[in-house]
Amino acid sequence: MTGNMKNPGRGDDRDTSKALAKIDPNTHAGKVLAALHEQPMSNIEVMWELNIAHPPAAVRDLRRAGIGIVTQEHPHPTKPGEKIKRYHLINEG
């Protein structure tokens, strides 16, 4: 990727409010977006709580729509010394 290419979902200058208006809340992407507004979630949390078989596809669709989502490492809740990754919405304002 060249230095001048934009990376959706990573803080570029897209209008997030327009992107949000395009997301159908009844789709997997819409359900993930609503959940991420409440709290960061890992793949397994999305799978269990939202009954979505492949969360990365929904996150990919949101990023392509211009929604700012980052993946951050967190301590594993039950395995000391290990990490899990959670999706976070980038602040929209």
PDB file of N, CA and C in Angstrom:
ATOM      1  N   MET A   1       0.849  -1.169   0.000  1.00  0.00           N
ATOM      2  CA  MET A   1       0.000   0.000   0.000  1.00  0.00           C
ATOM      3  C   MET A   1       0.893   1.230   0.000  1.00  0.00           C
ATOM      4  N   THR A   2       0.592   2.171  -0.843  1.00  0.00           N
ATOM      5  CA  THR A   2       1.398   3.382  -0.902  1.00  0.00           C
ATOM      6  C   THR A   2       0.984   4.350   0.195  1.00  0.00           C
ATOM      7  N   GLY A   3       1.835   5.298   0.482  1.00  0.00           N
ATOM      8  CA  GLY A   3       1.608   6.240   1.560  1.00  0.00           C
ATOM      9  C   GLY A   3       0.409   7.140   1.370  1.00  0.00           C
ATOM     10  N   ASN A   4      -0.045   7.362   0.137  1.00  0.00           N
ATOM     11  CA  ASN A   4      -1.157   8.280  -0.079  1.00  0.00           C
ATOM     12  C   ASN A   4      -2.515   7.587  -0.153  1.00  0.00           C
ATOM     13  N   MET A   5      -2.550   6.271  -0.001  1.00  0.00           N
ATOM     14  CA  MET A   5      -3.824   5.561  -0.046  1.00  0.00           C
ATOM     15  C   MET A   5      -4.507   5.653   1.311  1.00  0.00           C
ATOM     16  N   LYS A   6      -5.795   5.816   1.293  1.00  0.00           N
ATOM     17  CA  LYS A   6      -6.560   5.903   2.525  1.00  0.00           C
ATOM     18  C   LYS A   6      -6.895   4.506   3.016  1.00  0.00           C
ATOM     19  N   ASN A   7      -6.967   4.364   4.321  1.00  0.00           N
ATOM     20  CA  ASN A   7      -7.274   3.098   4.940  1.00  0.00           C
ATOM     21  C   ASN A   7      -8.596   3.251   5.680  1.00  0.00           C
ATOM     22  N   PRO A   8      -9.718   2.739   5.138  1.00  0.00           N
ATOM     23  CA  PRO A   8     -11.017   2.919   5.785  1.00  0.00           C
ATOM     24  C   PRO A   8     -11.005   2.409   7.211  1.00  0.00           C
ATOM     25  N   GLY A   9     -11.672   3.158   8.083  1.00  0.00           N
ATOM     26  CA  GLY A   9     -11.785   2.745   9.465  1.00  0.00           C
ATOM     27  C   GLY A   9     -10.553   3.058  10.291  1.00  0.00           C
ATOM     28  N   ARG A  10      -9.629   3.798   9.756  1.00  0.00           N
ATOM     29  CA  ARG A  10      -8.404   4.105  10.490  1.00  0.00           C
ATOM     30  C   ARG A  10      -8.183   5.605  10.623  1.00  0.00           C
ATOM     31  N   GLY A  11      -9.262   6.378  10.716  1.00  0.00           N
ATOM     32  CA  GLY A  11      -9.117   7.795  10.983  1.00  0.00           C
ATOM     33  C   GLY A  11      -8.960   8.656   9.747  1.00  0.00           C
ATOM     34  N   ASP A  12      -9.426   8.194   8.570  1.00  0.00           N
ATOM     35  CA  ASP A  12      -9.329   9.053   7.397  1.00  0.00           C
ATOM     36  C   ASP A  12     -10.448  10.086   7.435  1.00  0.00           C
ATOM     37  N   ASP A  13     -10.618  10.875   6.355  1.00  0.00           N
ATOM     38  CA  ASP A  13     -11.530  12.003   6.399  1.00  0.00           C
ATOM     39  C   ASP A  13     -12.939  11.689   5.890  1.00  0.00           C
ATOM     40  N   ARG A  14     -13.355  10.455   5.916  1.00  0.00           N
ATOM     41  CA  ARG A  14     -14.714  10.113   5.495  1.00  0.00           C
ATOM     42  C   ARG A  14     -15.733  10.696   6.473  1.00  0.00           C
ATOM     43  N   ASP A  15     -16.943  10.936   5.994  1.00  0.00           N
ATOM     44  CA  ASP A  15     -18.007  11.448   6.841  1.00  0.00           C
ATOM     45  C   ASP A  15     -18.685  10.258   7.519  1.00  0.00           C
ATOM     46  N   THR A  16     -18.404  10.054   8.795  1.00  0.00           N
ATOM     47  CA  THR A  16     -18.897   8.891   9.514  1.00  0.00           C
ATOM     48  C   THR A  16     -20.416   8.905   9.620  1.00  0.00           C
ATOM     49  N   SER A  17     -21.020  10.066   9.784  1.00  0.00           N
ATOM     50  CA  SER A  17     -22.474  10.108   9.926  1.00  0.00           C
ATOM     51  C   SER A  17     -23.170   9.595   8.668  1.00  0.00           C
ATOM     52  N   LYS A  18     -22.631   9.875   7.495  1.00  0.00           N
ATOM     53  CA  LYS A  18     -23.204   9.343   6.258  1.00  0.00           C
ATOM     54  C   LYS A  18     -23.035   7.837   6.193  1.00  0.00           C
ATOM     55  N   ALA A  19     -21.893   7.343   6.632  1.00  0.00           N
ATOM     56  CA  ALA A  19     -21.648   5.903   6.632  1.00  0.00           C
ATOM     57  C   ALA A  19     -22.613   5.203   7.586  1.00  0.00           C
ATOM     58  N   LEU A  20     -22.842   5.800   8.758  1.00  0.00           N
ATOM     59  CA  LEU A  20     -23.750   5.191   9.721  1.00  0.00           C
ATOM     60  C   LEU A  20     -25.162   5.080   9.166  1.00  0.00           C
ATOM     61  N   ALA A  21     -25.586   6.064   8.393  1.00  0.00           N
ATOM     62  CA  ALA A  21     -26.924   6.060   7.832  1.00  0.00           C
ATOM     63  C   ALA A  21     -27.121   4.927   6.831  1.00  0.00           C
ATOM     64  N   LYS A  22     -26.030   4.409   6.260  1.00  0.00           N
ATOM     65  CA  LYS A  22     -26.122   3.344   5.261  1.00  0.00           C
ATOM     66  C   LYS A  22     -26.166   1.946   5.870  1.00  0.00           C
ATOM     67  N   ILE A  23     -25.921   1.808   7.164  1.00  0.00           N
ATOM     68  CA  ILE A  23     -25.844   0.503   7.801  1.00  0.00           C
ATOM     69  C   ILE A  23     -27.238   0.065   8.245  1.00  0.00           C
ATOM     70  N   ASP A  24     -27.722  -1.035   7.686  1.00  0.00           N
ATOM     71  CA  ASP A  24     -29.019  -1.601   8.057  1.00  0.00           C
ATOM     72  C   ASP A  24     -28.883  -2.280   9.424  1.00  0.00           C
ATOM     73  N   PRO A  25     -29.649  -1.853  10.428  1.00  0.00           N
ATOM     74  CA  PRO A  25     -29.506  -2.426  11.766  1.00  0.00           C
ATOM     75  C   PRO A  25     -29.915  -3.892  11.861  1.00  0.00           C
ATOM     76  N   ASN A  26     -30.557  -4.427  10.834  1.00  0.00           N
ATOM     77  CA  ASN A  26     -30.985  -5.822  10.852  1.00  0.00           C
ATOM     78  C   ASN A  26     -29.945  -6.770  10.267  1.00  0.00           C
ATOM     79  N   THR A  27     -28.854  -6.241   9.733  1.00  0.00           N
ATOM     80  CA  THR A  27     -27.787  -7.081   9.183  1.00  0.00           C
ATOM     81  C   THR A  27     -26.793  -7.427  10.282  1.00  0.00           C
ATOM     82  N   HIS A  28     -25.906  -8.375   9.980  1.00  0.00           N
ATOM     83  CA  HIS A  28     -24.847  -8.696  10.939  1.00  0.00           C
ATOM     84  C   HIS A  28     -24.018  -7.459  11.245  1.00  0.00           C
ATOM     85  N   ALA A  29     -23.663  -6.697  10.211  1.00  0.00           N
ATOM     86  CA  ALA A  29     -22.863  -5.492  10.420  1.00  0.00           C
ATOM     87  C   ALA A  29     -23.600  -4.507  11.317  1.00  0.00           C
ATOM     88  N   GLY A  30     -24.889  -4.342  11.104  1.00  0.00           N
ATOM     89  CA  GLY A  30     -25.678  -3.435  11.928  1.00  0.00           C
ATOM     90  C   GLY A  30     -25.755  -3.878  13.379  1.00  0.00           C
ATOM     91  N   LYS A  31     -25.867  -5.182  13.594  1.00  0.00           N
ATOM     92  CA  LYS A  31     -25.906  -5.706  14.962  1.00  0.00           C
ATOM     93  C   LYS A  31     -24.565  -5.516  15.659  1.00  0.00           C
ATOM     94  N   VAL A  32     -23.477  -5.745  14.925  1.00  0.00           N
ATOM     95  CA  VAL A  32     -22.143  -5.544  15.500  1.00  0.00           C
ATOM     96  C   VAL A  32     -21.941  -4.069  15.828  1.00  0.00           C
ATOM     97  N   LEU A  33     -22.332  -3.186  14.930  1.00  0.00           N
ATOM     98  CA  LEU A  33     -22.183  -1.752  15.170  1.00  0.00           C
ATOM     99  C   LEU A  33     -22.944  -1.322  16.421  1.00  0.00           C
ATOM    100  N   ALA A  34     -24.176  -1.777  16.570  1.00  0.00           N
ATOM    101  CA  ALA A  34     -24.962  -1.421  17.757  1.00  0.00           C
ATOM    102  C   ALA A  34     -24.288  -1.931  19.026  1.00  0.00           C
ATOM    103  N   ALA A  35     -23.768  -3.140  18.978  1.00  0.00           N
ATOM    104  CA  ALA A  35     -23.103  -3.708  20.150  1.00  0.00           C
ATOM    105  C   ALA A  35     -21.821  -2.950  20.485  1.00  0.00           C
ATOM    106  N   LEU A  36     -21.068  -2.555  19.455  1.00  0.00           N
ATOM    107  CA  LEU A  36     -19.821  -1.831  19.697  1.00  0.00           C
ATOM    108  C   LEU A  36     -20.064  -0.424  20.230  1.00  0.00           C
ATOM    109  N   HIS A  37     -21.243   0.117  19.988  1.00  0.00           N
ATOM    110  CA  HIS A  37     -21.596   1.403  20.597  1.00  0.00           C
ATOM    111  C   HIS A  37     -21.713   1.250  22.107  1.00  0.00           C
ATOM    112  N   GLU A  38     -22.042   0.059  22.574  1.00  0.00           N
ATOM    113  CA  GLU A  38     -22.196  -0.202  24.004  1.00  0.00           C
ATOM    114  C   GLU A  38     -20.873  -0.524  24.686  1.00  0.00           C
ATOM    115  N   GLN A  39     -20.028  -1.336  24.009  1.00  0.00           N
ATOM    116  CA  GLN A  39     -18.765  -1.769  24.620  1.00  0.00           C
ATOM    117  C   GLN A  39     -17.890  -2.444  23.574  1.00  0.00           C
ATOM    118  N   PRO A  40     -16.573  -2.471  23.799  1.00  0.00           N
ATOM    119  CA  PRO A  40     -15.681  -3.233  22.923  1.00  0.00           C
ATOM    120  C   PRO A  40     -16.006  -4.721  23.036  1.00  0.00           C
ATOM    121  N   MET A  41     -15.810  -5.451  21.943  1.00  0.00           N
ATOM    122  CA  MET A  41     -16.111  -6.879  21.953  1.00  0.00           C
ATOM    123  C   MET A  41     -15.056  -7.661  21.180  1.00  0.00           C
ATOM    124  N   SER A  42     -14.803  -8.888  21.626  1.00  0.00           N
ATOM    125  CA  SER A  42     -13.913  -9.801  20.916  1.00  0.00           C
ATOM    126  C   SER A  42     -14.729 -10.619  19.917  1.00  0.00           C
ATOM    127  N   ASN A  43     -14.027 -11.362  19.059  1.00  0.00           N
ATOM    128  CA  ASN A  43     -14.715 -12.233  18.110  1.00  0.00           C
ATOM    129  C   ASN A  43     -15.646 -13.201  18.824  1.00  0.00           C
ATOM    130  N   ILE A  44     -15.138 -13.850  19.866  1.00  0.00           N
ATOM    131  CA  ILE A  44     -15.947 -14.860  20.555  1.00  0.00           C
ATOM    132  C   ILE A  44     -17.148 -14.230  21.253  1.00  0.00           C
ATOM    133  N   GLU A  45     -16.989 -13.011  21.786  1.00  0.00           N
ATOM    134  CA  GLU A  45     -18.125 -12.322  22.402  1.00  0.00           C
ATOM    135  C   GLU A  45     -19.188 -12.004  21.356  1.00  0.00           C
ATOM    136  N   VAL A  46     -18.767 -11.566  20.183  1.00  0.00           N
ATOM    137  CA  VAL A  46     -19.719 -11.288  19.099  1.00  0.00           C
ATOM    138  C   VAL A  46     -20.421 -12.581  18.687  1.00  0.00           C
ATOM    139  N   MET A  47     -19.652 -13.660  18.560  1.00  0.00           N
ATOM    140  CA  MET A  47     -20.246 -14.936  18.162  1.00  0.00           C
ATOM    141  C   MET A  47     -21.305 -15.394  19.166  1.00  0.00           C
ATOM    142  N   TRP A  48     -20.968 -15.381  20.455  1.00  0.00           N
ATOM    143  CA  TRP A  48     -21.882 -15.874  21.484  1.00  0.00           C
ATOM    144  C   TRP A  48     -23.057 -14.948  21.731  1.00  0.00           C
ATOM    145  N   GLU A  49     -22.776 -13.651  21.873  1.00  0.00           N
ATOM    146  CA  GLU A  49     -23.822 -12.719  22.276  1.00  0.00           C
ATOM    147  C   GLU A  49     -24.732 -12.295  21.129  1.00  0.00           C
ATOM    148  N   LEU A  50     -24.182 -12.242  19.914  1.00  0.00           N
ATOM    149  CA  LEU A  50     -24.985 -11.772  18.782  1.00  0.00           C
ATOM    150  C   LEU A  50     -25.341 -12.887  17.811  1.00  0.00           C
ATOM    151  N   ASN A  51     -24.845 -14.100  18.080  1.00  0.00           N
ATOM    152  CA  ASN A  51     -25.106 -15.254  17.228  1.00  0.00           C
ATOM    153  C   ASN A  51     -24.674 -15.003  15.780  1.00  0.00           C
ATOM    154  N   ILE A  52     -23.457 -14.492  15.635  1.00  0.00           N
ATOM    155  CA  ILE A  52     -22.873 -14.216  14.320  1.00  0.00           C
ATOM    156  C   ILE A  52     -21.698 -15.165  14.131  1.00  0.00           C
ATOM    157  N   ALA A  53     -21.765 -15.985  13.094  1.00  0.00           N
ATOM    158  CA  ALA A  53     -20.770 -17.042  12.896  1.00  0.00           C
ATOM    159  C   ALA A  53     -19.384 -16.524  12.541  1.00  0.00           C
ATOM    160  N   HIS A  54     -19.304 -15.432  11.772  1.00  0.00           N
ATOM    161  CA  HIS A  54     -17.997 -14.940  11.325  1.00  0.00           C
ATOM    162  C   HIS A  54     -17.900 -13.429  11.541  1.00  0.00           C
ATOM    163  N   PRO A  55     -17.621 -12.996  12.774  1.00  0.00           N
ATOM    164  CA  PRO A  55     -17.556 -11.569  13.088  1.00  0.00           C
ATOM    165  C   PRO A  55     -16.592 -10.760  12.213  1.00  0.00           C
ATOM    166  N   PRO A  56     -15.412 -11.293  11.819  1.00  0.00           N
ATOM    167  CA  PRO A  56     -14.518 -10.476  10.995  1.00  0.00           C
ATOM    168  C   PRO A  56     -15.161  -9.977   9.695  1.00  0.00           C
ATOM    169  N   ALA A  57     -16.084 -10.744   9.140  1.00  0.00           N
ATOM    170  CA  ALA A  57     -16.752 -10.298   7.912  1.00  0.00           C
ATOM    171  C   ALA A  57     -17.633  -9.076   8.185  1.00  0.00           C
ATOM    172  N   ALA A  58     -18.342  -9.081   9.310  1.00  0.00           N
ATOM    173  CA  ALA A  58     -19.185  -7.934   9.657  1.00  0.00           C
ATOM    174  C   ALA A  58     -18.330  -6.703   9.937  1.00  0.00           C
ATOM    175  N   VAL A  59     -17.213  -6.903  10.636  1.00  0.00           N
ATOM    176  CA  VAL A  59     -16.304  -5.786  10.932  1.00  0.00           C
ATOM    177  C   VAL A  59     -15.700  -5.259   9.638  1.00  0.00           C
ATOM    178  N   ARG A  60     -15.324  -6.142   8.739  1.00  0.00           N
ATOM    179  CA  ARG A  60     -14.786  -5.725   7.439  1.00  0.00           C
ATOM    180  C   ARG A  60     -15.806  -4.872   6.682  1.00  0.00           C
ATOM    181  N   ASP A  61     -17.073  -5.302   6.685  1.00  0.00           N
ATOM    182  CA  ASP A  61     -18.117  -4.532   5.999  1.00  0.00           C
ATOM    183  C   ASP A  61     -18.279  -3.152   6.625  1.00  0.00           C
ATOM    184  N   LEU A  62     -18.202  -3.069   7.939  1.00  0.00           N
ATOM    185  CA  LEU A  62     -18.310  -1.766   8.609  1.00  0.00           C
ATOM    186  C   LEU A  62     -17.131  -0.870   8.252  1.00  0.00           C
ATOM    187  N   ARG A  63     -15.936  -1.432   8.253  1.00  0.00           N
ATOM    188  CA  ARG A  63     -14.753  -0.641   7.896  1.00  0.00           C
ATOM    189  C   ARG A  63     -14.853  -0.151   6.455  1.00  0.00           C
ATOM    190  N   ARG A  64     -15.317  -0.996   5.554  1.00  0.00           N
ATOM    191  CA  ARG A  64     -15.474  -0.590   4.148  1.00  0.00           C
ATOM    192  C   ARG A  64     -16.515   0.505   3.984  1.00  0.00           C
ATOM    193  N   ALA A  65     -17.486   0.537   4.905  1.00  0.00           N
ATOM    194  CA  ALA A  65     -18.518   1.573   4.876  1.00  0.00           C
ATOM    195  C   ALA A  65     -18.029   2.879   5.508  1.00  0.00           C
ATOM    196  N   GLY A  66     -16.795   2.857   6.028  1.00  0.00           N
ATOM    197  CA  GLY A  66     -16.228   4.073   6.592  1.00  0.00           C
ATOM    198  C   GLY A  66     -16.348   4.202   8.098  1.00  0.00           C
ATOM    199  N   ILE A  67     -16.786   3.144   8.770  1.00  0.00           N
ATOM    200  CA  ILE A  67     -16.906   3.180  10.226  1.00  0.00           C
ATOM    201  C   ILE A  67     -15.524   2.945  10.823  1.00  0.00           C
ATOM    202  N   GLY A  68     -15.121   3.785  11.747  1.00  0.00           N
ATOM    203  CA  GLY A  68     -13.814   3.669  12.381  1.00  0.00           C
ATOM    204  C   GLY A  68     -13.811   2.603  13.458  1.00  0.00           C
ATOM    205  N   ILE A  69     -13.150   1.496  13.180  1.00  0.00           N
ATOM    206  CA  ILE A  69     -13.031   0.401  14.145  1.00  0.00           C
ATOM    207  C   ILE A  69     -11.564   0.018  14.232  1.00  0.00           C
ATOM    208  N   VAL A  70     -11.054  -0.087  15.446  1.00  0.00           N
ATOM    209  CA  VAL A  70      -9.685  -0.549  15.657  1.00  0.00           C
ATOM    210  C   VAL A  70      -9.731  -1.840  16.466  1.00  0.00           C
ATOM    211  N   THR A  71      -8.682  -2.622  16.341  1.00  0.00           N
ATOM    212  CA  THR A  71      -8.539  -3.848  17.115  1.00  0.00           C
ATOM    213  C   THR A  71      -7.433  -3.628  18.130  1.00  0.00           C
ATOM    214  N   GLN A  72      -7.741  -3.841  19.410  1.00  0.00           N
ATOM    215  CA  GLN A  72      -6.759  -3.630  20.469  1.00  0.00           C
ATOM    216  C   GLN A  72      -6.622  -4.892  21.310  1.00  0.00           C
ATOM    217  N   GLU A  73      -5.394  -5.114  21.807  1.00  0.00           N
ATOM    218  CA  GLU A  73      -5.141  -6.258  22.672  1.00  0.00           C
ATOM    219  C   GLU A  73      -5.522  -5.927  24.111  1.00  0.00           C
ATOM    220  N   HIS A  74      -6.066  -6.939  24.787  1.00  0.00           N
ATOM    221  CA  HIS A  74      -6.444  -6.842  26.192  1.00  0.00           C
ATOM    222  C   HIS A  74      -5.975  -8.101  26.896  1.00  0.00           C
ATOM    223  N   PRO A  75      -5.767  -8.050  28.210  1.00  0.00           N
ATOM    224  CA  PRO A  75      -5.424  -9.268  28.948  1.00  0.00           C
ATOM    225  C   PRO A  75      -6.543 -10.303  28.826  1.00  0.00           C
ATOM    226  N   HIS A  76      -6.175 -11.562  28.663  1.00  0.00           N
ATOM    227  CA  HIS A  76      -7.157 -12.636  28.600  1.00  0.00           C
ATOM    228  C   HIS A  76      -7.845 -12.737  29.965  1.00  0.00           C
ATOM    229  N   PRO A  77      -9.166 -12.866  29.996  1.00  0.00           N
ATOM    230  CA  PRO A  77      -9.872 -12.863  31.284  1.00  0.00           C
ATOM    231  C   PRO A  77      -9.592 -14.082  32.167  1.00  0.00           C
ATOM    232  N   THR A  78      -9.183 -15.203  31.577  1.00  0.00           N
ATOM    233  CA  THR A  78      -8.976 -16.407  32.390  1.00  0.00           C
ATOM    234  C   THR A  78      -7.583 -17.021  32.255  1.00  0.00           C
ATOM    235  N   LYS A  79      -6.759 -16.485  31.353  1.00  0.00           N
ATOM    236  CA  LYS A  79      -5.419 -17.050  31.139  1.00  0.00           C
ATOM    237  C   LYS A  79      -4.368 -15.960  31.364  1.00  0.00           C
ATOM    238  N   PRO A  80      -3.815 -15.901  32.567  1.00  0.00           N
ATOM    239  CA  PRO A  80      -2.809 -14.872  32.867  1.00  0.00           C
ATOM    240  C   PRO A  80      -1.643 -14.914  31.879  1.00  0.00           C
ATOM    241  N   GLY A  81      -1.217 -13.750  31.446  1.00  0.00           N
ATOM    242  CA  GLY A  81      -0.099 -13.651  30.520  1.00  0.00           C
ATOM    243  C   GLY A  81      -0.488 -13.739  29.054  1.00  0.00           C
ATOM    244  N   GLU A  82      -1.731 -14.145  28.763  1.00  0.00           N
ATOM    245  CA  GLU A  82      -2.181 -14.213  27.375  1.00  0.00           C
ATOM    246  C   GLU A  82      -3.048 -12.996  27.053  1.00  0.00           C
ATOM    247  N   LYS A  83      -3.216 -12.739  25.766  1.00  0.00           N
ATOM    248  CA  LYS A  83      -3.980 -11.575  25.305  1.00  0.00           C
ATOM    249  C   LYS A  83      -5.128 -12.028  24.403  1.00  0.00           C
ATOM    250  N   ILE A  84      -6.169 -11.212  24.367  1.00  0.00           N
ATOM    251  CA  ILE A  84      -7.229 -11.360  23.380  1.00  0.00           C
ATOM    252  C   ILE A  84      -7.345 -10.034  22.643  1.00  0.00           C
ATOM    253  N   LYS A  85      -7.971 -10.044  21.478  1.00  0.00           N
ATOM    254  CA  LYS A  85      -8.177  -8.814  20.713  1.00  0.00           C
ATOM    255  C   LYS A  85      -9.657  -8.461  20.750  1.00  0.00           C
ATOM    256  N   ARG A  86      -9.913  -7.175  20.954  1.00  0.00           N
ATOM    257  CA  ARG A  86     -11.278  -6.673  20.954  1.00  0.00           C
ATOM    258  C   ARG A  86     -11.408  -5.537  19.945  1.00  0.00           C
ATOM    259  N   TYR A  87     -12.579  -5.477  19.321  1.00  0.00           N
ATOM    260  CA  TYR A  87     -12.910  -4.389  18.408  1.00  0.00           C
ATOM    261  C   TYR A  87     -13.404  -3.203  19.210  1.00  0.00           C
ATOM    262  N   HIS A  88     -12.948  -2.006  18.851  1.00  0.00           N
ATOM    263  CA  HIS A  88     -13.365  -0.754  19.488  1.00  0.00           C
ATOM    264  C   HIS A  88     -13.816   0.213  18.396  1.00  0.00           C
ATOM    265  N   LEU A  89     -14.899   0.926  18.655  1.00  0.00           N
ATOM    266  CA  LEU A  89     -15.282   2.028  17.763  1.00  0.00           C
ATOM    267  C   LEU A  89     -14.376   3.216  18.050  1.00  0.00           C
ATOM    268  N   ILE A  90     -13.965   3.897  17.001  1.00  0.00           N
ATOM    269  CA  ILE A  90     -13.201   5.133  17.159  1.00  0.00           C
ATOM    270  C   ILE A  90     -14.211   6.225  17.458  1.00  0.00           C
ATOM    271  N   ASN A  91     -13.895   7.083  18.420  1.00  0.00           N
ATOM    272  CA  ASN A  91     -14.803   8.182  18.780  1.00  0.00           C
ATOM    273  C   ASN A  91     -15.205   8.962  17.544  1.00  0.00           C
ATOM    274  N   GLU A  92     -16.485   9.255  17.464  1.00  0.00           N
ATOM    275  CA  GLU A  92     -17.041   9.927  16.286  1.00  0.00           C
ATOM    276  C   GLU A  92     -17.245  11.412  16.514  1.00  0.00           C
ATOM    277  N   GLY A  93     -16.379  12.061  17.170  1.00  0.00           N
ATOM    278  CA  GLY A  93     -16.642  13.466  17.354  1.00  0.00           C
ATOM    279  C   GLY A  93     -15.594  14.187  18.055  1.00  0.00           C
TER     280      GLY A  93
END
